């Protein structure tokens, strides 16, 4: 017996054994145009259209529960001593492929280490080839002179563009320093392409920047590019 198909089970897939002469098969909890929820039988072609990711051959559709994430399994010193915008992650894991007409929740948390002594601030920005309709994000950042600690002063702000915005105060220690940041916001994508989280120093800091083990960014599709609510919200 199948449980009730409702908002909490939307797009849930189950295998149903045939009863009363019907064949075994997969069913999916769906909602029709009249907002009526019901289990619907699906053949393999229909399942492929619903659940295949772009990498598996269906570039026109990305499941709403299929998030994208990049996370470092080791420290990475790929950011050079320069003032140009540079990818937060190494080139093998820096570009997130996003779908057209979708809204994504963006969350990043990262730690930077730099042995340079220049008085330089850090900005965050969004690069890539995707055409973005709107970008809104919040940042909070800190800087410290010793690893695994933070100063009591935080830099926080609300941002309304993909262009560079300062997220961490300038290094005032005259020594090696460590920067920590958290990013949270939404990106409304107009046309498919890539999104590349980037950082940029206001001045060359004096040494290569190491992005620490465990730093991550996640993009999670939450609906169309016009979505305002998800789930049972009224």
Foldseek 3Di string as FASTA:
>chain_A
DDDDQALVQAQPKDWDPDDPPDHTAIWGWHADPVRDTDTDGDDPVRVCQADPDVVRPNQQDHHLFDKAKDFFQFKDLPFWLFQDKDFPDPPVRFKDWDAAQFKKKKKWKWKKWDFFQDFKFKWKAKDKDFAWPWWKKKKKKFKDQDPPDTDPDIAIDIDIHRDIDTGYGTDPPSGIMMMIMMMIIMIQTHHIIIIGMIMGIPHRRGGGMMIGGGTMMMIGTQGGSPDDDRTPDD
